[in-house]
Amino acid sequence: MAHLESRLQSDEIAAYHRDGFVVPRFRLPPADLSELQTLSARLVADNPHLIDQPLACPHVPNSGVQGLKTTKEWMRISTHPAILDMIEQIVGPDIIFWGSNLFYQRAEAGPAVPWHRDATYWPIKPLATTSVWIAATDSFAENGCLRCIPGSHAARQAGRHFHSADPGLMFPGSLGPEEYDESLALDVELEAGQMVIFDAFLIHGSQPNKGERDRTGYGLRFMPATSHFDHDAAVHKSEPGAGHHMRPLILVRGVNRCPLNDLSRGHPAVAN
């Protein structure tokens, strides 16, 4: 059951279902934010050859997804009780944490994130999953904040994506231009410690960072344990930050309700 201090209010839950995303009133406490900032700076410094692509699964040292040099301390942020409380309100009491990415856009040169729907990448059946994107630094329009198209999740379709050759993109998987109206996009500006929770079918992306400050966000992926993460069905294996056929599954709350889920690829269950 969600604790009162982190519980999503009825208007926040309504916004999530209506718009496909919500910025909760809850913020990461100062001590946790400081830890996230320290971990983020260390991850970027230790993996300089990967900084212009999503840094995949820093919460699992030696996961093999991307060969990151990382540490187990990421799990403290990834399984923060307040975050799990909010996720429980959206996906239910049985929760699998199946992935994370650090999105780092360096000042004045950080690449753009193309318009896309996450649903096109993930081998989850049924595709019921949600993401939490935590701002480790201030994330504003001038330094490449997250952008989204409200309500674009409603059709529950991934849409047509193509492999872009644009070298200024963090990854090549781009949504076809006929699939969206960019004039409807909103900037999701966040102060450090704020977060946005969004649906797998929401159209989102970001502009390149042309500002004077780095922009860093930590993305977490959760699914109800009634769904099946089918490692063998993963098709995006070599794109930057992907490797979904190798993603560890970690039961973070409740019970694994789908016997097809291979929890042996992850870590032991985390205490509820």
Foldseek 3Di string as FASTA:
>chain_A
DADPQLEADPVQVVQCVQFQKGWGPDFADPVVLVVVLVQLVVQCVQCVVQQQAWAKDLCDQPLPQPNGDHDNPVVCVQLPPSVVSHVCVQANFWKKWWIKTKHKAAAQQHFKAAWFFQVVFFQKVVQAKKKKKAWSAWADQQFKAKKWQTRQCVVVDRADWDADPDPRHNWGTHHDPVSDDCVRMDGDTDHHRIMMMGTRRITMMIHHNRHGHMTIIMMIMMHGLLMERDLVPGDPCPIGRHNSNSTAIETAGDDNNDPNHDNVSHDYHHDD
